Amino acid sequence: MHLEIITPDKKIFEGEVSEATFPGADGSFQLLKNHAALVSALEKGALSYTTSEGKKSLVVDGGVVEVSDNKIIVLAEKVIG
């Protein structure tokens, strides 16, 4: 899957991932390959994803995630760490 994490200031990450976990408004959720199309609000919390180099994690302070055709776009209000 292709993941892009973008803030108003800059692009934080762009690349291929095997899975990603998000802090959704109704609790955390995980996305795997061939997930159904989805748009969800994000709360403040940990966003993690697994690349060929291993698992990475950061904290977002709200935003939106959109999934379609194995492409994930995260519009984060702010990345804290």
PDB file of N, CA and C in Angstrom:
ATOM      1  N   MET A   1       0.854  -1.180   0.000  1.00  0.00           N
ATOM      2  CA  MET A   1       0.000   0.000   0.000  1.00  0.00           C
ATOM      3  C   MET A   1       0.893   1.234   0.000  1.00  0.00           C
ATOM      4  N   HIS A   2       0.396   2.285  -0.573  1.00  0.00           N
ATOM      5  CA  HIS A   2       1.143   3.546  -0.614  1.00  0.00           C
ATOM      6  C   HIS A   2       0.581   4.480   0.451  1.00  0.00           C
ATOM      7  N   LEU A   3       1.440   4.982   1.338  1.00  0.00           N
ATOM      8  CA  LEU A   3       1.031   5.875   2.430  1.00  0.00           C
ATOM      9  C   LEU A   3       1.684   7.240   2.270  1.00  0.00           C
ATOM     10  N   GLU A   4       0.856   8.284   2.410  1.00  0.00           N
ATOM     11  CA  GLU A   4       1.361   9.661   2.463  1.00  0.00           C
ATOM     12  C   GLU A   4       0.852  10.291   3.748  1.00  0.00           C
ATOM     13  N   ILE A   5       1.760  10.916   4.505  1.00  0.00           N
ATOM     14  CA  ILE A   5       1.381  11.656   5.712  1.00  0.00           C
ATOM     15  C   ILE A   5       1.785  13.105   5.477  1.00  0.00           C
ATOM     16  N   ILE A   6       0.782  13.996   5.495  1.00  0.00           N
ATOM     17  CA  ILE A   6       1.005  15.403   5.154  1.00  0.00           C
ATOM     18  C   ILE A   6       0.463  16.290   6.268  1.00  0.00           C
ATOM     19  N   THR A   7       1.214  17.335   6.612  1.00  0.00           N
ATOM     20  CA  THR A   7       0.735  18.380   7.517  1.00  0.00           C
ATOM     21  C   THR A   7       0.612  19.665   6.706  1.00  0.00           C
ATOM     22  N   PRO A   8       0.027  20.713   7.275  1.00  0.00           N
ATOM     23  CA  PRO A   8      -0.034  21.988   6.529  1.00  0.00           C
ATOM     24  C   PRO A   8       1.350  22.527   6.169  1.00  0.00           C
ATOM     25  N   ASP A   9       2.381  22.152   6.931  1.00  0.00           N
ATOM     26  CA  ASP A   9       3.731  22.661   6.714  1.00  0.00           C
ATOM     27  C   ASP A   9       4.542  21.855   5.706  1.00  0.00           C
ATOM     28  N   LYS A  10       4.437  20.512   5.765  1.00  0.00           N
ATOM     29  CA  LYS A  10       5.311  19.680   4.937  1.00  0.00           C
ATOM     30  C   LYS A  10       4.802  18.250   4.835  1.00  0.00           C
ATOM     31  N   LYS A  11       5.430  17.500   3.946  1.00  0.00           N
ATOM     32  CA  LYS A  11       5.153  16.072   3.810  1.00  0.00           C
ATOM     33  C   LYS A  11       6.042  15.344   4.814  1.00  0.00           C
ATOM     34  N   ILE A  12       5.442  14.560   5.694  1.00  0.00           N
ATOM     35  CA  ILE A  12       6.177  13.861   6.743  1.00  0.00           C
ATOM     36  C   ILE A  12       6.716  12.522   6.240  1.00  0.00           C
ATOM     37  N   PHE A  13       5.911  11.789   5.475  1.00  0.00           N
ATOM     38  CA  PHE A  13       6.321  10.475   4.990  1.00  0.00           C
ATOM     39  C   PHE A  13       5.590  10.164   3.696  1.00  0.00           C
ATOM     40  N   GLU A  14       6.282   9.468   2.793  1.00  0.00           N
ATOM     41  CA  GLU A  14       5.645   8.917   1.606  1.00  0.00           C
ATOM     42  C   GLU A  14       6.391   7.645   1.249  1.00  0.00           C
ATOM     43  N   GLY A  15       5.638   6.531   1.125  1.00  0.00           N
ATOM     44  CA  GLY A  15       6.282   5.284   0.773  1.00  0.00           C
ATOM     45  C   GLY A  15       5.341   4.101   0.883  1.00  0.00           C
ATOM     46  N   GLU A  16       5.892   2.915   0.641  1.00  0.00           N
ATOM     47  CA  GLU A  16       5.119   1.680   0.683  1.00  0.00           C
ATOM     48  C   GLU A  16       5.106   1.113   2.100  1.00  0.00           C
ATOM     49  N   VAL A  17       3.935   0.668   2.526  1.00  0.00           N
ATOM     50  CA  VAL A  17       3.774   0.067   3.853  1.00  0.00           C
ATOM     51  C   VAL A  17       2.969  -1.227   3.720  1.00  0.00           C
ATOM     52  N   SER A  18       3.164  -2.132   4.680  1.00  0.00           N
ATOM     53  CA  SER A  18       2.403  -3.383   4.672  1.00  0.00           C
ATOM     54  C   SER A  18       1.164  -3.287   5.555  1.00  0.00           C
ATOM     55  N   GLU A  19       1.192  -2.353   6.522  1.00  0.00           N
ATOM     56  CA  GLU A  19       0.037  -2.106   7.382  1.00  0.00           C
ATOM     57  C   GLU A  19       0.201  -0.741   8.024  1.00  0.00           C
ATOM     58  N   ALA A  20      -0.920  -0.208   8.522  1.00  0.00           N
ATOM     59  CA  ALA A  20      -0.879   1.078   9.220  1.00  0.00           C
ATOM     60  C   ALA A  20      -1.996   1.098  10.261  1.00  0.00           C
ATOM     61  N   THR A  21      -1.714   1.719  11.412  1.00  0.00           N
ATOM     62  CA  THR A  21      -2.687   1.817  12.497  1.00  0.00           C
ATOM     63  C   THR A  21      -2.899   3.290  12.832  1.00  0.00           C
ATOM     64  N   PHE A  22      -4.165   3.679  12.996  1.00  0.00           N
ATOM     65  CA  PHE A  22      -4.526   5.080  13.162  1.00  0.00           C
ATOM     66  C   PHE A  22      -5.354   5.308  14.422  1.00  0.00           C
ATOM     67  N   PRO A  23      -5.243   6.515  15.026  1.00  0.00           N
ATOM     68  CA  PRO A  23      -6.074   6.867  16.186  1.00  0.00           C
ATOM     69  C   PRO A  23      -7.405   7.464  15.733  1.00  0.00           C
ATOM     70  N   GLY A  24      -8.359   6.635  15.404  1.00  0.00           N
ATOM     71  CA  GLY A  24      -9.654   7.099  14.907  1.00  0.00           C
ATOM     72  C   GLY A  24     -10.486   7.774  15.974  1.00  0.00           C
ATOM     73  N   ALA A  25     -11.480   8.527  15.556  1.00  0.00           N
ATOM     74  CA  ALA A  25     -12.366   9.234  16.484  1.00  0.00           C
ATOM     75  C   ALA A  25     -13.118   8.263  17.396  1.00  0.00           C
ATOM     76  N   ASP A  26     -13.381   7.037  16.914  1.00  0.00           N
ATOM     77  CA  ASP A  26     -14.088   6.028  17.718  1.00  0.00           C
ATOM     78  C   ASP A  26     -13.162   4.915  18.188  1.00  0.00           C
ATOM     79  N   GLY A  27     -11.871   5.176  18.260  1.00  0.00           N
ATOM     80  CA  GLY A  27     -10.897   4.170  18.673  1.00  0.00           C
ATOM     81  C   GLY A  27      -9.910   3.883  17.559  1.00  0.00           C
ATOM     82  N   SER A  28      -8.824   3.220  17.900  1.00  0.00           N
ATOM     83  CA  SER A  28      -7.797   2.958  16.887  1.00  0.00           C
ATOM     84  C   SER A  28      -8.257   1.868  15.926  1.00  0.00           C
ATOM     85  N   PHE A  29      -7.727   1.930  14.706  1.00  0.00           N
ATOM     86  CA  PHE A  29      -8.057   0.932  13.698  1.00  0.00           C
ATOM     87  C   PHE A  29      -6.850   0.693  12.803  1.00  0.00           C
ATOM     88  N   GLN A  30      -6.803  -0.504  12.225  1.00  0.00           N
ATOM     89  CA  GLN A  30      -5.678  -0.907  11.384  1.00  0.00           C
ATOM     90  C   GLN A  30      -6.142  -1.083   9.945  1.00  0.00           C
ATOM     91  N   LEU A  31      -5.273  -0.721   9.012  1.00  0.00           N
ATOM     92  CA  LEU A  31      -5.541  -0.910   7.589  1.00  0.00           C
ATOM     93  C   LEU A  31      -4.527  -1.889   7.018  1.00  0.00           C
ATOM     94  N   LEU A  32      -5.047  -2.848   6.252  1.00  0.00           N
ATOM     95  CA  LEU A  32      -4.210  -3.810   5.553  1.00  0.00           C
ATOM     96  C   LEU A  32      -4.478  -3.693   4.056  1.00  0.00           C
ATOM     97  N   LYS A  33      -3.680  -4.382   3.255  1.00  0.00           N
ATOM     98  CA  LYS A  33      -3.822  -4.325   1.800  1.00  0.00           C
ATOM     99  C   LYS A  33      -5.249  -4.681   1.375  1.00  0.00           C
ATOM    100  N   ASN A  34      -5.738  -4.004   0.346  1.00  0.00           N
ATOM    101  CA  ASN A  34      -7.070  -4.198  -0.227  1.00  0.00           C
ATOM    102  C   ASN A  34      -8.212  -3.826   0.717  1.00  0.00           C
ATOM    103  N   HIS A  35      -7.961  -2.896   1.627  1.00  0.00           N
ATOM    104  CA  HIS A  35      -9.015  -2.419   2.534  1.00  0.00           C
ATOM    105  C   HIS A  35     -10.069  -1.665   1.720  1.00  0.00           C
ATOM    106  N   ALA A  36     -11.297  -1.742   2.174  1.00  0.00           N
ATOM    107  CA  ALA A  36     -12.384  -1.008   1.524  1.00  0.00           C
ATOM    108  C   ALA A  36     -12.128   0.493   1.615  1.00  0.00           C
ATOM    109  N   ALA A  37     -12.693   1.244   0.675  1.00  0.00           N
ATOM    110  CA  ALA A  37     -12.560   2.707   0.695  1.00  0.00           C
ATOM    111  C   ALA A  37     -13.108   3.247   2.011  1.00  0.00           C
ATOM    112  N   LEU A  38     -12.440   4.276   2.545  1.00  0.00           N
ATOM    113  CA  LEU A  38     -12.764   4.776   3.871  1.00  0.00           C
ATOM    114  C   LEU A  38     -12.309   6.219   4.011  1.00  0.00           C
ATOM    115  N   VAL A  39     -13.084   7.017   4.725  1.00  0.00           N
ATOM    116  CA  VAL A  39     -12.669   8.347   5.159  1.00  0.00           C
ATOM    117  C   VAL A  39     -12.996   8.418   6.643  1.00  0.00           C
ATOM    118  N   SER A  40     -12.013   8.817   7.469  1.00  0.00           N
ATOM    119  CA  SER A  40     -12.233   8.848   8.909  1.00  0.00           C
ATOM    120  C   SER A  40     -11.519  10.034   9.536  1.00  0.00           C
ATOM    121  N   ALA A  41     -12.140  10.593  10.572  1.00  0.00           N
ATOM    122  CA  ALA A  41     -11.494  11.639  11.373  1.00  0.00           C
ATOM    123  C   ALA A  41     -10.475  10.980  12.297  1.00  0.00           C
ATOM    124  N   LEU A  42      -9.396  11.696  12.578  1.00  0.00           N
ATOM    125  CA  LEU A  42      -8.374  11.207  13.495  1.00  0.00           C
ATOM    126  C   LEU A  42      -8.348  12.061  14.753  1.00  0.00           C
ATOM    127  N   GLU A  43      -8.146  11.408  15.876  1.00  0.00           N
ATOM    128  CA  GLU A  43      -7.968  12.087  17.159  1.00  0.00           C
ATOM    129  C   GLU A  43      -6.469  12.214  17.419  1.00  0.00           C
ATOM    130  N   LYS A  44      -6.108  12.878  18.510  1.00  0.00           N
ATOM    131  CA  LYS A  44      -4.714  12.920  18.935  1.00  0.00           C
ATOM    132  C   LYS A  44      -4.327  11.522  19.390  1.00  0.00           C
ATOM    133  N   GLY A  45      -3.212  11.023  18.881  1.00  0.00           N
ATOM    134  CA  GLY A  45      -2.767   9.695  19.268  1.00  0.00           C
ATOM    135  C   GLY A  45      -1.674   9.161  18.370  1.00  0.00           C
ATOM    136  N   ALA A  46      -1.306   7.910  18.630  1.00  0.00           N
ATOM    137  CA  ALA A  46      -0.207   7.267  17.896  1.00  0.00           C
ATOM    138  C   ALA A  46      -0.662   6.753  16.541  1.00  0.00           C
ATOM    139  N   LEU A  47       0.117   7.081  15.534  1.00  0.00           N
ATOM    140  CA  LEU A  47      -0.073   6.560  14.187  1.00  0.00           C
ATOM    141  C   LEU A  47       1.169   5.721  13.904  1.00  0.00           C
ATOM    142  N   SER A  48       0.982   4.447  13.566  1.00  0.00           N
ATOM    143  CA  SER A  48       2.133   3.595  13.285  1.00  0.00           C
ATOM    144  C   SER A  48       1.953   2.925  11.932  1.00  0.00           C
ATOM    145  N   TYR A  49       3.082   2.564  11.329  1.00  0.00           N
ATOM    146  CA  TYR A  49       3.056   1.893  10.034  1.00  0.00           C
ATOM    147  C   TYR A  49       4.305   1.039   9.904  1.00  0.00           C
ATOM    148  N   THR A  50       4.225  -0.003   9.079  1.00  0.00           N
ATOM    149  CA  THR A  50       5.339  -0.920   8.890  1.00  0.00           C
ATOM    150  C   THR A  50       5.845  -0.826   7.455  1.00  0.00           C
ATOM    151  N   THR A  51       7.133  -0.488   7.335  1.00  0.00           N
ATOM    152  CA  THR A  51       7.793  -0.432   6.033  1.00  0.00           C
ATOM    153  C   THR A  51       8.722  -1.637   5.920  1.00  0.00           C
ATOM    154  N   SER A  52       9.438  -1.740   4.823  1.00  0.00           N
ATOM    155  CA  SER A  52      10.415  -2.823   4.665  1.00  0.00           C
ATOM    156  C   SER A  52      11.545  -2.696   5.679  1.00  0.00           C
ATOM    157  N   GLU A  53      11.716  -1.509   6.264  1.00  0.00           N
ATOM    158  CA  GLU A  53      12.759  -1.270   7.259  1.00  0.00           C
ATOM    159  C   GLU A  53      12.284  -1.504   8.687  1.00  0.00           C
ATOM    160  N   GLY A  54      11.001  -1.818   8.862  1.00  0.00           N
ATOM    161  CA  GLY A  54      10.486  -2.069  10.209  1.00  0.00           C
ATOM    162  C   GLY A  54       9.341  -1.138  10.559  1.00  0.00           C
ATOM    163  N   LYS A  55       8.927  -1.206  11.830  1.00  0.00           N
ATOM    164  CA  LYS A  55       7.775  -0.440  12.289  1.00  0.00           C
ATOM    165  C   LYS A  55       8.200   0.969  12.694  1.00  0.00           C
ATOM    166  N   LYS A  56       7.430   1.955  12.276  1.00  0.00           N
ATOM    167  CA  LYS A  56       7.673   3.364  12.612  1.00  0.00           C
ATOM    168  C   LYS A  56       6.433   3.892  13.326  1.00  0.00           C
ATOM    169  N   SER A  57       6.628   4.898  14.172  1.00  0.00           N
ATOM    170  CA  SER A  57       5.501   5.442  14.911  1.00  0.00           C
ATOM    171  C   SER A  57       5.688   6.941  15.118  1.00  0.00           C
ATOM    172  N   LEU A  58       4.578   7.668  15.123  1.00  0.00           N
ATOM    173  CA  LEU A  58       4.596   9.093  15.436  1.00  0.00           C
ATOM    174  C   LEU A  58       3.255   9.463  16.053  1.00  0.00           C
ATOM    175  N   VAL A  59       3.173  10.648  16.612  1.00  0.00           N
ATOM    176  CA  VAL A  59       1.927  11.098  17.252  1.00  0.00           C
ATOM    177  C   VAL A  59       1.340  12.239  16.436  1.00  0.00           C
ATOM    178  N   VAL A  60       0.068  12.085  16.060  1.00  0.00           N
ATOM    179  CA  VAL A  60      -0.620  13.145  15.331  1.00  0.00           C
ATOM    180  C   VAL A  60      -1.616  13.830  16.264  1.00  0.00           C
ATOM    181  N   ASP A  61      -1.864  15.105  15.995  1.00  0.00           N
ATOM    182  CA  ASP A  61      -2.807  15.887  16.794  1.00  0.00           C
ATOM    183  C   ASP A  61      -4.034  16.183  15.947  1.00  0.00           C
ATOM    184  N   GLY A  62      -4.781  15.114  15.609  1.00  0.00           N
ATOM    185  CA  GLY A  62      -5.995  15.269  14.821  1.00  0.00           C
ATOM    186  C   GLY A  62      -5.723  15.275  13.336  1.00  0.00           C
ATOM    187  N   GLY A  63      -6.798  15.136  12.564  1.00  0.00           N
ATOM    188  CA  GLY A  63      -6.684  15.153  11.116  1.00  0.00           C
ATOM    189  C   GLY A  63      -7.711  14.248  10.473  1.00  0.00           C
ATOM    190  N   VAL A  64      -7.415  13.847   9.233  1.00  0.00           N
ATOM    191  CA  VAL A  64      -8.319  13.010   8.446  1.00  0.00           C
ATOM    192  C   VAL A  64      -7.477  11.988   7.693  1.00  0.00           C
ATOM    193  N   VAL A  65      -8.013  10.768   7.544  1.00  0.00           N
ATOM    194  CA  VAL A  65      -7.369   9.749   6.725  1.00  0.00           C
ATOM    195  C   VAL A  65      -8.348   9.308   5.643  1.00  0.00           C
ATOM    196  N   GLU A  66      -7.826   9.150   4.426  1.00  0.00           N
ATOM    197  CA  GLU A  66      -8.638   8.672   3.300  1.00  0.00           C
ATOM    198  C   GLU A  66      -7.948   7.465   2.692  1.00  0.00           C
ATOM    199  N   VAL A  67      -8.726   6.405   2.437  1.00  0.00           N
ATOM    200  CA  VAL A  67      -8.203   5.172   1.850  1.00  0.00           C
ATOM    201  C   VAL A  67      -8.977   4.869   0.581  1.00  0.00           C
ATOM    202  N   SER A  68      -8.248   4.560  -0.492  1.00  0.00           N
ATOM    203  CA  SER A  68      -8.887   4.190  -1.750  1.00  0.00           C
ATOM    204  C   SER A  68      -7.865   3.471  -2.625  1.00  0.00           C
ATOM    205  N   ASP A  69      -8.198   2.289  -3.114  1.00  0.00           N
ATOM    206  CA  ASP A  69      -7.337   1.538  -4.041  1.00  0.00           C
ATOM    207  C   ASP A  69      -5.908   1.370  -3.535  1.00  0.00           C
ATOM    208  N   ASN A  70      -5.769   0.942  -2.281  1.00  0.00           N
ATOM    209  CA  ASN A  70      -4.456   0.702  -1.657  1.00  0.00           C
ATOM    210  C   ASN A  70      -3.585   1.956  -1.572  1.00  0.00           C
ATOM    211  N   LYS A  71      -4.224   3.131  -1.585  1.00  0.00           N
ATOM    212  CA  LYS A  71      -3.516   4.395  -1.360  1.00  0.00           C
ATOM    213  C   LYS A  71      -4.121   5.040  -0.125  1.00  0.00           C
ATOM    214  N   ILE A  72      -3.268   5.395   0.835  1.00  0.00           N
ATOM    215  CA  ILE A  72      -3.707   6.004   2.089  1.00  0.00           C
ATOM    216  C   ILE A  72      -3.130   7.411   2.145  1.00  0.00           C
ATOM    217  N   ILE A  73      -4.001   8.390   2.345  1.00  0.00           N
ATOM    218  CA  ILE A  73      -3.553   9.777   2.500  1.00  0.00           C
ATOM    219  C   ILE A  73      -3.982  10.256   3.873  1.00  0.00           C
ATOM    220  N   VAL A  74      -3.019  10.718   4.658  1.00  0.00           N
ATOM    221  CA  VAL A  74      -3.287  11.260   5.989  1.00  0.00           C
ATOM    222  C   VAL A  74      -3.029  12.758   5.937  1.00  0.00           C
ATOM    223  N   LEU A  75      -4.065  13.538   6.245  1.00  0.00           N
ATOM    224  CA  LEU A  75      -3.921  14.982   6.387  1.00  0.00           C
ATOM    225  C   LEU A  75      -3.947  15.271   7.874  1.00  0.00           C
ATOM    226  N   ALA A  76      -2.752  15.388   8.472  1.00  0.00           N
ATOM    227  CA  ALA A  76      -2.631  15.587   9.912  1.00  0.00           C
ATOM    228  C   ALA A  76      -2.565  17.066  10.234  1.00  0.00           C
ATOM    229  N   GLU A  77      -3.286  17.483  11.278  1.00  0.00           N
ATOM    230  CA  GLU A  77      -3.213  18.880  11.679  1.00  0.00           C
ATOM    231  C   GLU A  77      -1.816  19.232  12.175  1.00  0.00           C
ATOM    232  N   LYS A  78      -1.211  18.291  12.923  1.00  0.00           N
ATOM    233  CA  LYS A  78       0.136  18.512  13.439  1.00  0.00           C
ATOM    234  C   LYS A  78       0.729  17.165  13.810  1.00  0.00           C
ATOM    235  N   VAL A  79       2.036  17.011  13.610  1.00  0.00           N
ATOM    236  CA  VAL A  79       2.753  15.816  14.071  1.00  0.00           C
ATOM    237  C   VAL A  79       3.586  16.231  15.274  1.00  0.00           C
ATOM    238  N   ILE A  80       3.376  15.543  16.391  1.00  0.00           N
ATOM    239  CA  ILE A  80       4.025  15.920  17.642  1.00  0.00           C
ATOM    240  C   ILE A  80       5.360  15.212  17.821  1.00  0.00           C
ATOM    241  N   GLY A  81       5.439  13.948  17.434  1.00  0.00           N
ATOM    242  CA  GLY A  81       6.705  13.252  17.628  1.00  0.00           C
ATOM    243  C   GLY A  81       6.845  12.053  16.742  1.00  0.00           C
TER     244      GLY A  81
END
